Amino acid sequence: MTTAESATPSRQGAEVGRRIGVGLMYGLWKPRVLGAWKVPATGPAILAVNHSHNIDGPMVMGVAPRPTHFLIKKEAFVGPLDPFLRGIGQLKVDRASADRTAIAQALGVLENGGVLGIFPEGTRGDGDFASLRAGLAYFAVRSGAPIVPVAVMGSAERGGRLIKGLPPLRSRVDVVFGDPFEAGDGSGRRTRKALDEATVRIQGQLTAHLEKARRLTGR
């Protein structure tokens, strides 16, 4: 592991990524952002995002009020995308193993008062938070950072696509931020049982937020 690989990603890089995301997302689609003010203005925070489409990460990166460092599967870091994603403060993670480099970098983001973005389902799916991995609970309990649930609605709609694999251009995509909450039970425990219990609490909060987001957006 080189020094460059282990270093905490640059917040300035993530801000550049946020500005790029603003231009792309608002240029190609019509984001409607609800509740962005709920993201803590300062200090560490974790954005837990449902994941049904490849644009979910860039969309949240572009509309979030603070620069965000997302944990992104290593398969996305190919060719010129590798230095680009690293340059804008994103974190490469090997989902097939306990990636100590990615874990250290993610904790470093939170220790430095930054915002970490996670897809707690681990991969793209129905985007309904039905199957959560333990990673989100680990980062939240270990760092003490609040979790902000984020629901992206409309990114997976199929009708009228001009470009295969992308939502219809200029279509509306809703991004709904929820109330921040603590994952732990207040005891400070980090045992496997404590993480399992935290995962159950997190899933309940995220599922409830998704249902609220559906009611708010009519989707």
Protein backbone atom coordinates (compact mmCIF):
# COMPACT_ATOMS: atom_id res chain seq x y z
CA MET A 1 0.00 0.00 0.00
CA THR A 2 1.55 3.27 -1.10
CA THR A 3 1.32 6.57 0.76
CA ALA A 4 -0.88 7.98 -2.00
CA GLU A 5 -3.28 5.05 -1.72
CA SER A 6 -3.55 5.27 2.07
CA ALA A 7 -3.90 9.05 2.31
CA THR A 8 -7.25 10.58 3.20
CA PRO A 9 -8.83 11.85 -0.03
CA SER A 10 -8.81 15.58 -0.68
CA ARG A 11 -11.86 17.58 0.36
CA GLN A 12 -10.89 20.13 -2.29
CA GLY A 13 -10.97 17.31 -4.85
CA ALA A 14 -14.45 16.32 -3.69
CA GLU A 15 -15.58 19.94 -4.05
CA VAL A 16 -14.33 19.90 -7.65
CA GLY A 17 -16.31 16.68 -8.13
CA ARG A 18 -19.39 18.34 -6.65
CA ARG A 19 -19.12 21.22 -9.12
CA ILE A 20 -18.69 18.81 -12.03
CA GLY A 21 -21.72 16.89 -10.78
CA VAL A 22 -23.77 20.09 -10.60
CA GLY A 23 -23.01 20.89 -14.23
CA LEU A 24 -23.66 17.38 -15.52
CA MET A 25 -26.74 16.53 -13.51
CA TYR A 26 -28.52 19.86 -14.04
CA GLY A 27 -27.40 19.93 -17.66
CA LEU A 28 -28.72 16.47 -18.54
CA TRP A 29 -31.68 16.03 -16.19
CA LYS A 30 -33.98 18.07 -13.95
CA PRO A 31 -33.08 17.29 -10.35
CA ARG A 32 -35.63 18.23 -7.72
CA VAL A 33 -33.93 18.33 -4.32
CA LEU A 34 -35.92 18.06 -1.11
CA GLY A 35 -34.56 18.39 2.43
CA ALA A 36 -30.93 19.20 1.58
CA TRP A 37 -30.90 21.51 4.62
CA LYS A 38 -31.09 18.41 6.82
CA VAL A 39 -27.47 17.53 6.03
CA PRO A 40 -25.38 18.81 8.99
CA ALA A 41 -23.59 21.99 7.91
CA THR A 42 -20.37 20.98 9.64
CA GLY A 43 -18.79 17.90 11.16
CA PRO A 44 -18.78 14.29 10.00
CA ALA A 45 -21.83 12.82 8.31
CA ILE A 46 -22.69 9.71 6.32
CA LEU A 47 -25.07 9.86 3.35
CA ALA A 48 -26.79 6.48 2.96
CA VAL A 49 -28.14 6.35 -0.59
CA ASN A 50 -30.45 3.81 -2.22
CA HIS A 51 -28.95 2.44 -5.43
CA SER A 52 -30.93 1.49 -8.52
CA HIS A 53 -28.95 3.26 -11.25
CA ASN A 54 -25.39 4.27 -12.11
CA ILE A 55 -26.23 7.99 -11.99
CA ASP A 56 -27.31 7.82 -8.33
CA GLY A 57 -23.83 8.60 -7.02
CA PRO A 58 -23.05 11.47 -9.41
CA MET A 59 -26.55 12.84 -8.87
CA VAL A 60 -26.17 12.97 -5.08
CA MET A 61 -22.61 14.29 -5.43
CA GLY A 62 -23.95 17.14 -7.56
CA VAL A 63 -26.96 18.12 -5.44
CA ALA A 64 -25.61 17.55 -1.90
CA PRO A 65 -24.86 20.80 -0.05
CA ARG A 66 -21.38 19.56 0.94
CA PRO A 67 -18.61 17.80 -1.00
CA THR A 68 -19.00 14.04 -0.62
CA HIS A 69 -16.53 11.17 -0.77
CA PHE A 70 -18.29 8.04 -2.08
CA LEU A 71 -17.13 4.49 -1.60
CA ILE A 72 -17.20 3.16 -5.18
CA LYS A 73 -16.56 -0.40 -6.37
CA LYS A 74 -13.04 -0.91 -7.70
CA GLU A 75 -14.41 -2.12 -11.05
CA ALA A 76 -15.33 1.50 -11.87
CA PHE A 77 -11.70 2.61 -11.56
CA VAL A 78 -10.62 1.60 -15.06
CA GLY A 79 -8.42 3.46 -17.52
CA PRO A 80 -8.61 7.26 -17.25
CA LEU A 81 -11.48 6.97 -14.75
CA ASP A 82 -9.02 5.77 -12.10
CA PRO A 83 -7.01 9.01 -11.73
CA PHE A 84 -10.14 11.09 -12.36
CA LEU A 85 -12.19 9.47 -9.57
CA ARG A 86 -9.25 9.61 -7.19
CA GLY A 87 -8.67 13.24 -8.12
CA ILE A 88 -12.23 14.20 -7.17
CA GLY A 89 -11.89 12.54 -3.78
CA GLN A 90 -13.71 9.26 -4.36
CA LEU A 91 -12.73 6.01 -2.63
CA LYS A 92 -12.01 2.72 -4.39
CA VAL A 93 -13.28 -0.30 -2.49
CA ASP A 94 -12.91 -4.02 -3.11
CA ARG A 95 -16.32 -5.43 -2.21
CA ALA A 96 -15.04 -9.02 -2.24
CA SER A 97 -12.83 -8.56 0.83
CA ALA A 98 -12.25 -6.49 3.94
CA ASP A 99 -10.54 -3.63 2.10
CA ARG A 100 -8.37 -2.11 4.82
CA THR A 101 -7.19 0.75 2.64
CA ALA A 102 -10.75 1.81 1.80
CA ILE A 103 -11.82 1.40 5.44
CA ALA A 104 -8.93 3.58 6.66
CA GLN A 105 -9.64 6.24 4.05
CA ALA A 106 -13.37 6.31 4.84
CA LEU A 107 -12.72 6.63 8.57
CA GLY A 108 -10.18 9.35 7.78
CA VAL A 109 -12.85 11.33 5.92
CA LEU A 110 -15.11 11.19 8.97
CA GLU A 111 -12.33 11.90 11.45
CA ASN A 112 -11.55 15.04 9.46
CA GLY A 113 -15.17 16.18 9.66
CA GLY A 114 -16.05 15.27 6.08
CA VAL A 115 -19.03 13.64 4.39
CA LEU A 116 -18.90 9.97 3.41
CA GLY A 117 -21.31 8.59 0.81
CA ILE A 118 -22.31 4.92 0.98
CA PHE A 119 -24.64 2.65 -0.97
CA PRO A 120 -25.55 0.37 1.97
CA GLU A 121 -27.05 -2.27 -0.32
CA GLY A 122 -23.57 -2.82 -1.70
CA THR A 123 -24.57 -2.86 -5.36
CA ARG A 124 -27.28 -1.73 -7.72
CA GLY A 125 -30.63 -3.42 -7.19
CA ASP A 126 -34.22 -2.40 -6.58
CA GLY A 127 -33.04 0.54 -4.50
CA ASP A 128 -35.40 -0.35 -1.66
CA PHE A 129 -32.86 -0.87 1.17
CA ALA A 130 -34.12 -4.46 1.48
CA SER A 131 -30.66 -5.97 1.92
CA LEU A 132 -28.10 -3.99 3.89
CA ARG A 133 -24.46 -4.86 4.40
CA ALA A 134 -22.76 -4.28 7.75
CA GLY A 135 -20.34 -1.65 6.40
CA LEU A 136 -22.63 1.30 7.04
CA ALA A 137 -23.22 0.26 10.65
CA TYR A 138 -19.47 -0.18 11.19
CA PHE A 139 -18.58 3.29 9.93
CA ALA A 140 -21.44 4.93 11.81
CA VAL A 141 -20.79 3.20 15.14
CA ARG A 142 -17.00 3.48 14.89
CA SER A 143 -17.03 7.20 14.00
CA GLY A 144 -20.16 8.32 15.83
CA ALA A 145 -21.17 10.24 12.70
CA PRO A 146 -24.90 10.72 12.06
CA ILE A 147 -26.47 8.96 9.09
CA VAL A 148 -28.53 11.00 6.64
CA PRO A 149 -30.83 8.79 4.53
CA VAL A 150 -31.04 9.79 0.87
CA ALA A 151 -33.61 8.50 -1.61
CA VAL A 152 -33.03 8.95 -5.35
CA MET A 153 -36.32 8.56 -7.22
CA GLY A 154 -36.74 8.35 -10.98
CA SER A 155 -33.18 7.46 -11.98
CA ALA A 156 -34.21 3.98 -13.12
CA GLU A 157 -37.19 5.01 -15.25
CA ARG A 158 -36.97 3.49 -18.72
CA GLY A 159 -39.41 5.26 -20.99
CA GLY A 160 -38.11 7.59 -23.70
CA ARG A 161 -34.41 6.94 -23.27
CA LEU A 162 -32.18 8.37 -25.98
CA ILE A 163 -29.02 6.87 -24.50
CA LYS A 164 -29.09 3.23 -23.43
CA GLY A 165 -28.61 2.79 -19.70
CA LEU A 166 -29.49 6.38 -18.76
CA PRO A 167 -32.78 7.93 -17.63
CA PRO A 168 -34.56 9.99 -20.31
CA LEU A 169 -32.67 13.23 -20.86
CA ARG A 170 -34.25 16.28 -19.20
CA SER A 171 -36.49 14.00 -17.14
CA ARG A 172 -37.08 14.78 -13.47
CA VAL A 173 -35.04 12.97 -10.85
CA ASP A 174 -36.00 13.52 -7.23
CA VAL A 175 -33.40 13.44 -4.48
CA VAL A 176 -34.89 13.42 -0.97
CA PHE A 177 -32.69 13.92 2.09
CA GLY A 178 -34.02 12.67 5.41
CA ASP A 179 -33.50 13.49 9.07
CA PRO A 180 -30.06 12.53 10.43
CA PHE A 181 -30.01 9.79 13.06
CA GLU A 182 -27.51 7.91 15.22
CA ALA A 183 -26.91 4.24 14.45
CA GLY A 184 -25.60 3.16 17.84
CA ASP A 185 -27.55 2.53 21.02
CA GLY A 186 -25.50 5.02 23.02
CA SER A 187 -23.39 2.36 24.73
CA GLY A 188 -20.36 2.79 22.47
CA ARG A 189 -20.20 -0.99 21.92
CA ARG A 190 -18.56 -2.18 18.70
CA THR A 191 -19.13 -5.91 19.05
CA ARG A 192 -20.58 -8.03 16.24
CA LYS A 193 -23.89 -8.13 18.12
CA ALA A 194 -23.90 -4.34 18.48
CA LEU A 195 -23.23 -3.92 14.75
CA ASP A 196 -25.98 -6.40 13.88
CA GLU A 197 -28.42 -4.50 16.10
CA ALA A 198 -27.31 -1.21 14.54
CA THR A 199 -27.88 -2.64 11.06
CA VAL A 200 -31.46 -3.54 11.99
CA ARG A 201 -32.06 -0.02 13.36
CA ILE A 202 -30.53 1.53 10.24
CA GLN A 203 -32.63 -0.59 7.90
CA GLY A 204 -35.79 0.48 9.70
CA GLN A 205 -34.86 4.16 9.41
CA LEU A 206 -33.86 3.92 5.75
CA THR A 207 -36.95 1.97 4.76
CA ALA A 208 -39.20 4.48 6.54
CA HIS A 209 -37.44 7.35 4.76
CA LEU A 210 -37.89 5.68 1.38
CA GLU A 211 -41.62 5.29 2.01
CA LYS A 212 -41.86 8.96 3.02
CA ALA A 213 -39.92 9.96 -0.10
CA ARG A 214 -42.35 8.00 -2.26
CA ARG A 215 -45.27 9.78 -0.70
CA LEU A 216 -43.61 13.19 -1.12
CA THR A 217 -42.69 12.65 -4.77
CA GLY A 218 -45.60 10.48 -5.88
CA ARG A 219 -43.18 7.81 -7.14
